[in-house]
C-alpha atoms as a PDB file:
ATOM      1  CA  UNK A   1       2.645-150.700 163.748  1.00  0.00           C
ATOM      2  CA  UNK A   2      -0.201-152.534 165.497  1.00  0.00           C
ATOM      3  CA  UNK A   3      -1.958-152.924 162.137  1.00  0.00           C
ATOM      4  CA  UNK A   4       1.023-154.767 160.614  1.00  0.00           C
ATOM      5  CA  UNK A   5       1.557-156.836 163.758  1.00  0.00           C
ATOM      6  CA  UNK A   6      -1.987-158.135 163.254  1.00  0.00           C
ATOM      7  CA  UNK A   7      -1.014-159.075 159.700  1.00  0.00           C
ATOM      8  CA  UNK A   8       1.926-161.022 161.128  1.00  0.00           C
ATOM      9  CA  UNK A   9      -0.527-162.911 163.357  1.00  0.00           C
ATOM     10  CA  UNK A  10      -2.811-163.565 160.371  1.00  0.00           C
ATOM     11  CA  UNK A  11       0.005-165.009 158.268  1.00  0.00           C
ATOM     12  CA  UNK A  12       1.321-166.950 161.268  1.00  0.00           C
ATOM     13  CA  UNK A  13      -2.082-168.635 161.636  1.00  0.00           C
ATOM     14  CA  UNK A  14      -1.950-169.527 157.945  1.00  0.00           C
ATOM     15  CA  UNK A  15       1.606-170.834 158.442  1.00  0.00           C
ATOM     16  CA  UNK A  16       0.481-173.063 161.317  1.00  0.00           C
ATOM     17  CA  UNK A  17      -2.624-174.259 159.498  1.00  0.00           C
ATOM     18  CA  UNK A  18      -0.700-175.072 156.317  1.00  0.00           C
ATOM     19  CA  UNK A  19       2.051-177.009 158.102  1.00  0.00           C
ATOM     20  CA  UNK A  20      -0.559-178.882 160.125  1.00  0.00           C
ATOM     21  CA  UNK A  21      -2.552-179.605 156.955  1.00  0.00           C
ATOM     22  CA  UNK A  22       0.517-181.068 155.206  1.00  0.00           C
ATOM     23  CA  UNK A  23       1.075-183.384 158.173  1.00  0.00           C
ATOM     24  CA  UNK A  24      -2.657-184.153 158.500  1.00  0.00           C
ATOM     25  CA  UNK A  25      -2.991-185.491 154.966  1.00  0.00           C
ATOM     26  CA  UNK A  26      -0.179-187.979 155.450  1.00  0.00           C
ATOM     27  CA  UNK A  27      -2.347-189.540 158.147  1.00  0.00           C
ATOM     28  CA  UNK A  28      -5.986-188.882 157.249  1.00  0.00           C
ATOM     29  CA  UNK A  29      -8.072-188.540 154.103  1.00  0.00           C
ATOM     30  CA  UNK A  30      -9.244-185.192 152.744  1.00  0.00           C
ATOM     31  CA  UNK A  31     -11.834-183.365 154.874  1.00  0.00           C
ATOM     32  CA  UNK A  32     -13.203-179.909 154.174  1.00  0.00           C
ATOM     33  CA  UNK A  33     -13.641-179.023 157.863  1.00  0.00           C
ATOM     34  CA  UNK A  34     -10.494-180.444 159.432  1.00  0.00           C
ATOM     35  CA  UNK A  35      -8.919-178.462 162.291  1.00  0.00           C
ATOM     36  CA  UNK A  36      -5.880-177.423 160.149  1.00  0.00           C
ATOM     37  CA  UNK A  37      -8.268-175.940 157.575  1.00  0.00           C
ATOM     38  CA  UNK A  38     -10.074-174.051 160.352  1.00  0.00           C
ATOM     39  CA  UNK A  39      -6.802-172.598 161.694  1.00  0.00           C
ATOM     40  CA  UNK A  40      -5.825-171.547 158.170  1.00  0.00           C
ATOM     41  CA  UNK A  41      -9.261-169.975 157.696  1.00  0.00           C
ATOM     42  CA  UNK A  42      -8.891-167.981 160.929  1.00  0.00           C
ATOM     43  CA  UNK A  43      -5.717-166.406 159.551  1.00  0.00           C
ATOM     44  CA  UNK A  44      -7.458-165.767 156.233  1.00  0.00           C
ATOM     45  CA  UNK A  45     -10.416-164.147 158.031  1.00  0.00           C
ATOM     46  CA  UNK A  46      -8.228-161.911 160.211  1.00  0.00           C
ATOM     47  CA  UNK A  47      -6.429-160.686 157.096  1.00  0.00           C
ATOM     48  CA  UNK A  48      -9.777-160.083 155.384  1.00  0.00           C
ATOM     49  CA  UNK A  49     -10.890-157.889 158.301  1.00  0.00           C
ATOM     50  CA  UNK A  50      -7.673-155.889 158.121  1.00  0.00           C
ATOM     51  CA  UNK A  51      -8.056-155.513 154.344  1.00  0.00           C
ATOM     52  CA  UNK A  52     -11.693-154.414 154.697  1.00  0.00           C
ATOM     53  CA  UNK A  53     -10.548-151.786 157.190  1.00  0.00           C
ATOM     54  CA  UNK A  54      -8.263-150.314 154.527  1.00  0.00           C
ATOM     55  CA  UNK A  55     -11.057-150.310 151.961  1.00  0.00           C
ATOM     56  CA  UNK A  56     -13.244-148.354 154.380  1.00  0.00           C
ATOM     57  CA  UNK A  57     -10.555-145.787 155.186  1.00  0.00           C
ATOM     58  CA  UNK A  58      -6.992-145.962 153.953  1.00  0.00           C
ATOM     59  CA  UNK A  59      -4.660-145.289 156.840  1.00  0.00           C
ATOM     60  CA  UNK A  60      -1.806-147.798 156.773  1.00  0.00           C
ATOM     61  CA  UNK A  61      -1.003-148.512 153.119  1.00  0.00           C
ATOM     62  CA  UNK A  62      -1.221-147.035 149.627  1.00  0.00           C
ATOM     63  CA  UNK A  63      -3.764-148.030 146.974  1.00  0.00           C
ATOM     64  CA  UNK A  64      -1.421-150.271 145.015  1.00  0.00           C
ATOM     65  CA  UNK A  65      -0.570-152.389 148.071  1.00  0.00           C
ATOM     66  CA  UNK A  66      -4.230-152.615 149.100  1.00  0.00           C
ATOM     67  CA  UNK A  67      -5.306-153.587 145.588  1.00  0.00           C
ATOM     68  CA  UNK A  68      -2.540-156.167 145.355  1.00  0.00           C
ATOM     69  CA  UNK A  69      -3.740-157.841 148.558  1.00  0.00           C
ATOM     70  CA  UNK A  70      -7.301-157.747 147.224  1.00  0.00           C
ATOM     71  CA  UNK A  71      -6.207-159.565 144.051  1.00  0.00           C
ATOM     72  CA  UNK A  72      -4.549-162.215 146.193  1.00  0.00           C
ATOM     73  CA  UNK A  73      -7.701-162.702 148.245  1.00  0.00           C
ATOM     74  CA  UNK A  74      -9.898-162.894 145.151  1.00  0.00           C
ATOM     75  CA  UNK A  75      -7.595-165.458 143.534  1.00  0.00           C
ATOM     76  CA  UNK A  76      -7.549-167.539 146.736  1.00  0.00           C
ATOM     77  CA  UNK A  77     -11.363-167.548 146.875  1.00  0.00           C
ATOM     78  CA  UNK A  78     -11.512-168.627 143.240  1.00  0.00           C
ATOM     79  CA  UNK A  79      -9.109-171.469 144.066  1.00  0.00           C
ATOM     80  CA  UNK A  80     -11.360-172.964 146.774  1.00  0.00           C
ATOM     81  CA  UNK A  81     -14.202-174.243 144.517  1.00  0.00           C
ATOM     82  CA  UNK A  82     -11.663-175.194 141.855  1.00  0.00           C
ATOM     83  CA  UNK A  83      -9.751-177.322 144.379  1.00  0.00           C
ATOM     84  CA  UNK A  84     -12.934-179.050 145.579  1.00  0.00           C
ATOM     85  CA  UNK A  85     -13.900-179.706 141.950  1.00  0.00           C
ATOM     86  CA  UNK A  86     -10.417-181.089 141.236  1.00  0.00           C
ATOM     87  CA  UNK A  87     -10.720-183.541 144.125  1.00  0.00           C
ATOM     88  CA  UNK A  88     -14.215-184.592 143.033  1.00  0.00           C
ATOM     89  CA  UNK A  89     -13.006-185.166 139.464  1.00  0.00           C
ATOM     90  CA  UNK A  90      -9.691-186.877 140.210  1.00  0.00           C
ATOM     91  CA  UNK A  91     -10.194-188.195 143.730  1.00  0.00           C
ATOM     92  CA  UNK A  92      -7.955-187.671 146.722  1.00  0.00           C
ATOM     93  CA  UNK A  93      -4.361-186.812 145.943  1.00  0.00           C
ATOM     94  CA  UNK A  94      -1.441-186.751 148.344  1.00  0.00           C
ATOM     95  CA  UNK A  95       0.558-184.149 146.460  1.00  0.00           C
ATOM     96  CA  UNK A  96       1.128-180.470 147.152  1.00  0.00           C
ATOM     97  CA  UNK A  97       1.954-180.019 143.456  1.00  0.00           C
ATOM     98  CA  UNK A  98      -1.582-180.138 142.002  1.00  0.00           C
ATOM     99  CA  UNK A  99      -2.634-177.207 139.752  1.00  0.00           C
ATOM    100  CA  UNK A 100      -5.318-176.007 142.166  1.00  0.00           C
ATOM    101  CA  UNK A 101      -2.891-176.023 145.081  1.00  0.00           C
ATOM    102  CA  UNK A 102      -0.602-173.726 143.120  1.00  0.00           C
ATOM    103  CA  UNK A 103      -3.478-171.259 142.836  1.00  0.00           C
ATOM    104  CA  UNK A 104      -3.432-171.118 146.646  1.00  0.00           C
ATOM    105  CA  UNK A 105       0.350-170.603 146.716  1.00  0.00           C
ATOM    106  CA  UNK A 106       0.329-167.854 144.114  1.00  0.00           C
ATOM    107  CA  UNK A 107      -2.609-166.095 145.784  1.00  0.00           C
ATOM    108  CA  UNK A 108      -0.899-166.191 149.181  1.00  0.00           C
ATOM    109  CA  UNK A 109       2.357-164.937 147.635  1.00  0.00           C
ATOM    110  CA  UNK A 110       0.476-161.942 146.235  1.00  0.00           C
ATOM    111  CA  UNK A 111      -1.139-161.245 149.627  1.00  0.00           C
ATOM    112  CA  UNK A 112       2.191-161.338 151.449  1.00  0.00           C
ATOM    113  CA  UNK A 113       3.888-159.240 148.788  1.00  0.00           C
ATOM    114  CA  UNK A 114       1.136-156.612 149.023  1.00  0.00           C
ATOM    115  CA  UNK A 115       1.238-156.398 152.828  1.00  0.00           C
ATOM    116  CA  UNK A 116       5.029-156.348 152.861  1.00  0.00           C
ATOM    117  CA  UNK A 117       5.111-153.560 150.302  1.00  0.00           C
ATOM    118  CA  UNK A 118       2.580-151.613 152.377  1.00  0.00           C
ATOM    119  CA  UNK A 119       4.754-152.036 155.473  1.00  0.00           C
ATOM    120  CA  UNK A 120       7.862-151.003 153.522  1.00  0.00           C
ATOM    121  CA  UNK A 121       6.234-147.713 152.504  1.00  0.00           C
ATOM    122  CA  UNK A 122       4.600-147.178 155.906  1.00  0.00           C
ATOM    123  CA  UNK A 123       7.948-147.585 157.699  1.00  0.00           C
ATOM    124  CA  UNK A 124      10.074-145.882 155.043  1.00  0.00           C
ATOM    125  CA  UNK A 125      11.611-143.534 157.618  1.00  0.00           C
ATOM    126  CA  UNK A 126      13.140-146.524 159.427  1.00  0.00           C
ATOM    127  CA  UNK A 127      16.171-148.348 158.076  1.00  0.00           C
ATOM    128  CA  UNK A 128      15.215-151.963 157.217  1.00  0.00           C
ATOM    129  CA  UNK A 129      16.942-154.430 159.540  1.00  0.00           C
ATOM    130  CA  UNK A 130      16.567-158.082 160.478  1.00  0.00           C
ATOM    131  CA  UNK A 131      15.116-156.988 163.841  1.00  0.00           C
ATOM    132  CA  UNK A 132      12.056-155.450 162.152  1.00  0.00           C
ATOM    133  CA  UNK A 133       8.892-157.053 160.763  1.00  0.00           C
ATOM    134  CA  UNK A 134      10.662-157.290 157.408  1.00  0.00           C
ATOM    135  CA  UNK A 135      12.118-160.582 158.652  1.00  0.00           C
ATOM    136  CA  UNK A 136       8.640-161.936 159.392  1.00  0.00           C
ATOM    137  CA  UNK A 137       7.262-161.011 155.975  1.00  0.00           C
ATOM    138  CA  UNK A 138      10.382-162.406 154.279  1.00  0.00           C
ATOM    139  CA  UNK A 139       9.938-165.627 156.258  1.00  0.00           C
ATOM    140  CA  UNK A 140       6.257-165.918 155.300  1.00  0.00           C
ATOM    141  CA  UNK A 141       7.127-165.472 151.633  1.00  0.00           C
ATOM    142  CA  UNK A 142       9.917-168.057 151.949  1.00  0.00           C
ATOM    143  CA  UNK A 143       7.496-170.504 153.598  1.00  0.00           C
ATOM    144  CA  UNK A 144       4.978-170.052 150.811  1.00  0.00           C
ATOM    145  CA  UNK A 145       7.654-170.592 148.141  1.00  0.00           C
ATOM    146  CA  UNK A 146       8.997-173.685 149.906  1.00  0.00           C
ATOM    147  CA  UNK A 147       5.670-175.247 150.849  1.00  0.00           C
ATOM    148  CA  UNK A 148       5.413-177.521 147.761  1.00  0.00           C
ATOM    149  CA  UNK A 149       8.648-179.198 148.896  1.00  0.00           C
ATOM    150  CA  UNK A 150       6.937-180.442 152.047  1.00  0.00           C
ATOM    151  CA  UNK A 151       5.490-183.223 149.868  1.00  0.00           C
ATOM    152  CA  UNK A 152       8.955-184.758 149.660  1.00  0.00           C
ATOM    153  CA  UNK A 153       9.948-183.716 153.192  1.00  0.00           C
ATOM    154  CA  UNK A 154       6.917-185.369 154.773  1.00  0.00           C
ATOM    155  CA  UNK A 155       7.007-188.189 152.240  1.00  0.00           C
ATOM    156  CA  UNK A 156      10.597-189.182 153.019  1.00  0.00           C
ATOM    157  CA  UNK A 157       9.809-189.934 156.666  1.00  0.00           C
ATOM    158  CA  UNK A 158       6.364-191.411 155.972  1.00  0.00           C
ATOM    159  CA  UNK A 159       7.837-193.737 153.317  1.00  0.00           C
ATOM    160  CA  UNK A 160      10.633-194.832 155.651  1.00  0.00           C
ATOM    161  CA  UNK A 161       8.018-195.676 158.284  1.00  0.00           C
ATOM    162  CA  UNK A 162       5.936-197.516 155.672  1.00  0.00           C
ATOM    163  CA  UNK A 163       8.716-199.778 154.392  1.00  0.00           C
ATOM    164  CA  UNK A 164       9.734-200.624 157.961  1.00  0.00           C
ATOM    165  CA  UNK A 165       6.179-201.494 158.960  1.00  0.00           C
ATOM    166  CA  UNK A 166       5.828-198.537 161.322  1.00  0.00           C
ATOM    167  CA  UNK A 167       3.433-196.330 159.370  1.00  0.00           C
ATOM    168  CA  UNK A 168       1.139-194.136 161.459  1.00  0.00           C
ATOM    169  CA  UNK A 169      -1.180-193.399 158.517  1.00  0.00           C
ATOM    170  CA  UNK A 170      -4.856-194.294 158.866  1.00  0.00           C
ATOM    171  CA  UNK A 171      -6.272-197.464 157.279  1.00  0.00           C
ATOM    172  CA  UNK A 172      -8.001-195.301 154.654  1.00  0.00           C
ATOM    173  CA  UNK A 173      -4.674-193.827 153.551  1.00  0.00           C
ATOM    174  CA  UNK A 174      -2.945-197.221 153.493  1.00  0.00           C
ATOM    175  CA  UNK A 175      -5.789-198.697 151.434  1.00  0.00           C
ATOM    176  CA  UNK A 176      -5.550-195.771 149.014  1.00  0.00           C
ATOM    177  CA  UNK A 177      -1.856-196.273 148.305  1.00  0.00           C
ATOM    178  CA  UNK A 178      -1.207-198.591 145.369  1.00  0.00           C
ATOM    179  CA  UNK A 179       2.364-197.476 144.661  1.00  0.00           C
ATOM    180  CA  UNK A 180       3.730-196.206 148.002  1.00  0.00           C
ATOM    181  CA  UNK A 181       6.811-194.452 146.618  1.00  0.00           C
ATOM    182  CA  UNK A 182       4.860-192.669 143.880  1.00  0.00           C
ATOM    183  CA  UNK A 183       1.913-191.703 146.068  1.00  0.00           C
ATOM    184  CA  UNK A 184       3.894-190.556 149.084  1.00  0.00           C
ATOM    185  CA  UNK A 185       6.262-188.456 146.969  1.00  0.00           C
ATOM    186  CA  UNK A 186       3.350-187.224 144.851  1.00  0.00           C
ATOM    187  CA  UNK A 187       4.813-188.589 141.626  1.00  0.00           C
ATOM    188  CA  UNK A 188       7.345-185.718 141.634  1.00  0.00           C
ATOM    189  CA  UNK A 189      10.805-186.572 140.214  1.00  0.00           C
ATOM    190  CA  UNK A 190      13.526-186.679 142.868  1.00  0.00           C
ATOM    191  CA  UNK A 191      15.657-184.027 141.146  1.00  0.00           C
ATOM    192  CA  UNK A 192      12.909-181.390 141.521  1.00  0.00           C
ATOM    193  CA  UNK A 193      13.520-181.021 145.272  1.00  0.00           C
ATOM    194  CA  UNK A 194      17.069-179.556 145.336  1.00  0.00           C
ATOM    195  CA  UNK A 195      16.675-177.560 142.120  1.00  0.00           C
ATOM    196  CA  UNK A 196      13.390-175.978 143.178  1.00  0.00           C
ATOM    197  CA  UNK A 197      14.865-175.155 146.614  1.00  0.00           C
ATOM    198  CA  UNK A 198      17.838-173.306 145.124  1.00  0.00           C
ATOM    199  CA  UNK A 199      15.665-171.344 142.686  1.00  0.00           C
ATOM    200  CA  UNK A 200      13.276-170.205 145.414  1.00  0.00           C
ATOM    201  CA  UNK A 201      15.790-169.446 148.172  1.00  0.00           C
ATOM    202  CA  UNK A 202      18.421-167.809 145.957  1.00  0.00           C
ATOM    203  CA  UNK A 203      15.774-165.846 144.068  1.00  0.00           C
ATOM    204  CA  UNK A 204      14.133-164.508 147.224  1.00  0.00           C
ATOM    205  CA  UNK A 205      17.517-163.713 148.779  1.00  0.00           C
ATOM    206  CA  UNK A 206      18.540-161.696 145.724  1.00  0.00           C
ATOM    207  CA  UNK A 207      15.236-159.795 145.627  1.00  0.00           C
ATOM    208  CA  UNK A 208      15.416-158.869 149.316  1.00  0.00           C
ATOM    209  CA  UNK A 209      19.025-157.704 149.022  1.00  0.00           C
ATOM    210  CA  UNK A 210      18.205-155.673 145.939  1.00  0.00           C
ATOM    211  CA  UNK A 211      15.194-153.924 147.486  1.00  0.00           C
ATOM    212  CA  UNK A 212      16.394-153.435 151.056  1.00  0.00           C
ATOM    213  CA  UNK A 213      20.166-153.360 150.510  1.00  0.00           C
ATOM    214  CA  UNK A 214      20.477-155.531 153.609  1.00  0.00           C
ATOM    215  CA  UNK A 215      22.148-158.950 153.646  1.00  0.00           C
ATOM    216  CA  UNK A 216      20.972-159.930 157.131  1.00  0.00           C
ATOM    217  CA  UNK A 217      17.201-159.982 156.474  1.00  0.00           C
ATOM    218  CA  UNK A 218      17.163-163.072 154.180  1.00  0.00           C
ATOM    219  CA  UNK A 219      19.505-164.910 156.547  1.00  0.00           C
ATOM    220  CA  UNK A 220      17.325-164.073 159.564  1.00  0.00           C
ATOM    221  CA  UNK A 221      14.194-165.065 157.635  1.00  0.00           C
ATOM    222  CA  UNK A 222      15.689-168.467 156.761  1.00  0.00           C
ATOM    223  CA  UNK A 223      16.742-169.001 160.383  1.00  0.00           C
ATOM    224  CA  UNK A 224      13.253-168.080 161.640  1.00  0.00           C
ATOM    225  CA  UNK A 225      11.662-170.420 159.096  1.00  0.00           C
ATOM    226  CA  UNK A 226      13.885-173.322 160.170  1.00  0.00           C
ATOM    227  CA  UNK A 227      13.199-172.592 163.850  1.00  0.00           C
ATOM    228  CA  UNK A 228       9.421-172.623 163.353  1.00  0.00           C
ATOM    229  CA  UNK A 229       9.620-175.784 161.255  1.00  0.00           C
ATOM    230  CA  UNK A 230      11.559-177.526 164.044  1.00  0.00           C
ATOM    231  CA  UNK A 231       9.018-176.307 166.595  1.00  0.00           C
ATOM    232  CA  UNK A 232       6.190-177.676 164.464  1.00  0.00           C
ATOM    233  CA  UNK A 233       7.986-180.986 163.955  1.00  0.00           C
ATOM    234  CA  UNK A 234       8.470-181.358 167.709  1.00  0.00           C
ATOM    235  CA  UNK A 235       4.779-180.739 168.383  1.00  0.00           C
ATOM    236  CA  UNK A 236       3.648-183.124 165.620  1.00  0.00           C
ATOM    237  CA  UNK A 237       5.935-185.844 166.961  1.00  0.00           C
ATOM    238  CA  UNK A 238       4.629-185.325 170.501  1.00  0.00           C
ATOM    239  CA  UNK A 239       0.973-185.734 169.453  1.00  0.00           C
ATOM    240  CA  UNK A 240       1.570-188.630 167.055  1.00  0.00           C
ATOM    241  CA  UNK A 241       1.261-186.797 163.730  1.00  0.00           C
ATOM    242  CA  UNK A 242       3.528-187.388 160.695  1.00  0.00           C
ATOM    243  CA  UNK A 243       6.699-185.298 160.795  1.00  0.00           C
ATOM    244  CA  UNK A 244       8.885-183.936 158.016  1.00  0.00           C
ATOM    245  CA  UNK A 245      12.518-183.297 157.234  1.00  0.00           C
ATOM    246  CA  UNK A 246      13.375-179.685 158.112  1.00  0.00           C
ATOM    247  CA  UNK A 247      15.446-178.091 155.292  1.00  0.00           C
ATOM    248  CA  UNK A 248      18.227-176.815 157.545  1.00  0.00           C
ATOM    249  CA  UNK A 249      20.779-176.421 154.738  1.00  0.00           C
ATOM    250  CA  UNK A 250      18.844-173.679 152.918  1.00  0.00           C
ATOM    251  CA  UNK A 251      20.338-171.143 155.340  1.00  0.00           C
ATOM    252  CA  UNK A 252      23.733-171.706 153.680  1.00  0.00           C
ATOM    253  CA  UNK A 253      22.496-169.869 150.575  1.00  0.00           C
ATOM    254  CA  UNK A 254      21.745-166.464 152.201  1.00  0.00           C
ATOM    255  CA  UNK A 255      24.776-167.008 154.454  1.00  0.00           C
ATOM    256  CA  UNK A 256      27.066-167.157 151.399  1.00  0.00           C
ATOM    257  CA  UNK A 257      25.487-163.983 150.018  1.00  0.00           C
ATOM    258  CA  UNK A 258      26.229-162.383 153.393  1.00  0.00           C
ATOM    259  CA  UNK A 259      29.874-163.536 153.227  1.00  0.00           C
ATOM    260  CA  UNK A 260      30.521-162.732 149.533  1.00  0.00           C
ATOM    261  CA  UNK A 261      28.706-159.401 149.450  1.00  0.00           C
ATOM    262  CA  UNK A 262      30.628-157.902 146.541  1.00  0.00           C
ATOM    263  CA  UNK A 263      30.436-160.853 144.128  1.00  0.00           C
ATOM    264  CA  UNK A 264      26.913-162.221 143.866  1.00  0.00           C
ATOM    265  CA  UNK A 265      27.639-164.966 141.335  1.00  0.00           C
ATOM    266  CA  UNK A 266      30.304-166.444 143.629  1.00  0.00           C
ATOM    267  CA  UNK A 267      27.813-166.238 146.502  1.00  0.00           C
ATOM    268  CA  UNK A 268      25.203-168.045 144.415  1.00  0.00           C
ATOM    269  CA  UNK A 269      27.670-170.719 143.297  1.00  0.00           C
ATOM    270  CA  UNK A 270      29.156-171.428 146.729  1.00  0.00           C
ATOM    271  CA  UNK A 271      25.777-171.210 148.470  1.00  0.00           C
ATOM    272  CA  UNK A 272      24.084-173.689 146.136  1.00  0.00           C
ATOM    273  CA  UNK A 273      27.016-176.124 146.265  1.00  0.00           C
ATOM    274  CA  UNK A 274      27.230-175.900 150.069  1.00  0.00           C
ATOM    275  CA  UNK A 275      23.455-176.369 150.349  1.00  0.00           C
ATOM    276  CA  UNK A 276      23.491-179.515 148.226  1.00  0.00           C
ATOM    277  CA  UNK A 277      26.681-181.158 149.504  1.00  0.00           C
ATOM    278  CA  UNK A 278      25.717-180.795 153.172  1.00  0.00           C
ATOM    279  CA  UNK A 279      22.225-182.086 152.379  1.00  0.00           C
ATOM    280  CA  UNK A 280      23.738-184.984 150.422  1.00  0.00           C
ATOM    281  CA  UNK A 281      26.069-185.796 153.333  1.00  0.00           C
ATOM    282  CA  UNK A 282      23.126-185.823 155.747  1.00  0.00           C
ATOM    283  CA  UNK A 283      21.219-188.101 153.381  1.00  0.00           C
ATOM    284  CA  UNK A 284      24.058-190.583 152.935  1.00  0.00           C
ATOM    285  CA  UNK A 285      25.055-190.640 156.596  1.00  0.00           C
ATOM    286  CA  UNK A 286      21.516-191.370 157.716  1.00  0.00           C
ATOM    287  CA  UNK A 287      21.680-188.737 160.461  1.00  0.00           C
ATOM    288  CA  UNK A 288      18.311-187.452 159.262  1.00  0.00           C
ATOM    289  CA  UNK A 289      15.776-188.832 156.800  1.00  0.00           C
ATOM    290  CA  UNK A 290      15.843-186.447 153.829  1.00  0.00           C
ATOM    291  CA  UNK A 291      14.200-186.530 150.413  1.00  0.00           C
ATOM    292  CA  UNK A 292      16.160-188.839 148.046  1.00  0.00           C
ATOM    293  CA  UNK A 293      19.186-187.317 146.297  1.00  0.00           C
ATOM    294  CA  UNK A 294      21.626-188.318 143.554  1.00  0.00           C
ATOM    295  CA  UNK A 295      25.076-186.731 143.238  1.00  0.00           C
ATOM    296  CA  UNK A 296      24.612-185.643 139.591  1.00  0.00           C
ATOM    297  CA  UNK A 297      21.951-183.182 140.807  1.00  0.00           C
ATOM    298  CA  UNK A 298      24.826-181.033 142.085  1.00  0.00           C
ATOM    299  CA  UNK A 299      25.500-179.874 138.500  1.00  0.00           C
ATOM    300  CA  UNK A 300      22.103-178.237 137.759  1.00  0.00           C
ATOM    301  CA  UNK A 301      21.950-176.964 141.347  1.00  0.00           C
ATOM    302  CA  UNK A 302      25.308-175.176 140.956  1.00  0.00           C
ATOM    303  CA  UNK A 303      24.371-173.811 137.515  1.00  0.00           C
ATOM    304  CA  UNK A 304      21.062-172.431 138.743  1.00  0.00           C
ATOM    305  CA  UNK A 305      22.647-171.021 141.887  1.00  0.00           C
ATOM    306  CA  UNK A 306      25.072-169.075 139.679  1.00  0.00           C
ATOM    307  CA  UNK A 307      22.520-168.108 137.040  1.00  0.00           C
ATOM    308  CA  UNK A 308      20.003-166.496 139.416  1.00  0.00           C
ATOM    309  CA  UNK A 309      22.283-163.614 140.560  1.00  0.00           C
ATOM    310  CA  UNK A 310      23.678-163.202 137.033  1.00  0.00           C
ATOM    311  CA  UNK A 311      20.184-162.756 135.582  1.00  0.00           C
ATOM    312  CA  UNK A 312      19.324-160.410 138.430  1.00  0.00           C
ATOM    313  CA  UNK A 313      22.258-158.160 137.536  1.00  0.00           C
ATOM    314  CA  UNK A 314      20.859-157.787 134.007  1.00  0.00           C
ATOM    315  CA  UNK A 315      17.413-156.647 135.132  1.00  0.00           C
ATOM    316  CA  UNK A 316      16.756-152.955 135.670  1.00  0.00           C
ATOM    317  CA  UNK A 317      15.800-151.935 139.197  1.00  0.00           C
ATOM    318  CA  UNK A 318      12.072-152.219 139.856  1.00  0.00           C
ATOM    319  CA  UNK A 319      10.648-149.059 141.390  1.00  0.00           C
ATOM    320  CA  UNK A 320       7.466-150.593 142.826  1.00  0.00           C
ATOM    321  CA  UNK A 321       8.804-150.440 146.359  1.00  0.00           C
ATOM    322  CA  UNK A 322      10.607-147.096 146.428  1.00  0.00           C
ATOM    323  CA  UNK A 323       7.582-144.873 146.419  1.00  0.00           C
ATOM    324  CA  UNK A 324       7.742-141.460 148.027  1.00  0.00           C
ATOM    325  CA  UNK A 325       4.022-140.708 148.303  1.00  0.00           C
ATOM    326  CA  UNK A 326       2.326-140.826 151.665  1.00  0.00           C
ATOM    327  CA  UNK A 327      -0.459-143.390 152.125  1.00  0.00           C
ATOM    328  CA  UNK A 328      -3.754-141.784 151.226  1.00  0.00           C
END
C-alpha cells in the first residue's frame, strides 16, 4: 500500500498547488516559476517517479492502468507549451475555462482514473469502504472536476472586495481589468456554475456507486474535499491571499443518494434541488459570498440532477474495473 500512499501524496501536492495557483492569479500576474507552480510540479514529479518505477518493473498495477496514467502524463506535457503559447497569443487571462487549461484538467483526470483503477485491482480482496484510499482518489477526481468553478468562487469574493474598495489584488491586476465583472468571473455566464456543479457531482457519485456498490465513498469524498477547501481558505486568509467561496452544499447530492438508495432518480432530483435551494438561500441571506444565482436556474439544475441517474440506468455496466487478472 506504500506505493499508493505515495500517489496520494503526489495528488495532494497537485491539489495544494492548484488551489494556491487559483488564489495567486487573483492577486498577481502570470509567472511561469511562481511557488504554486513549483508545488504542483513537485506532485507531478513524484507521480512521474512512481510511474517510471512501474515501467521498469510492474509490481503494483496492471498494464492498462499504467498505460492510462502514461497517456495522462503525455497529454499534460503537451498542454504546457500550448498554454504558454495561448498566453503569448492572447495575453494574460483570469479564467480557469480557457481551452489549454482544460487540457490540464482532462490529463489530470486520466492520471487519477488510472491510479485509482490500479489501486482498485491491487486491493480487490478488500471490500471498498470510505475508510480506504478510495475516498482520497474519489476526492482528487472531484477536485479536478470542480476546479473550473473556482473562477466564480474566487471571483465572487474578489469582486465584492473590488466594488467596496478593499481589493487586495496587485496594481498590475487592477490595471489589467477593464470590465471587472467580466474579467473576475472569466466571462462565464452565471448559470454555468450551478449546472456544471450538479453534472460533475451527480455524475461522479453515480459512477462511484455503480463501480464500488458503496454509497458512503462519494459522501466521504465530498466531505473531505470541503474540509480541505476550508483549510486552504483559512490559510490564504491568514497570509493575505484571495479566498474563495467553499461549495459546502455539494455534499447534499451524495447525501441524497445515500438516503434514497433504491430510487436513484429521486435521489438525483432531491439532491440537486437541495443543493441549489440551500446555496440560493446562502446567497440571498448574505451569510457567505457565493457566485451569483438566479432562481430560474433551479429548473435546469433539477432536470439535470434527475437525468444523470436515468441515463446511467440505461448504460450497460462497464467492465474496465472488474478485472480478475493479477498485476503482471
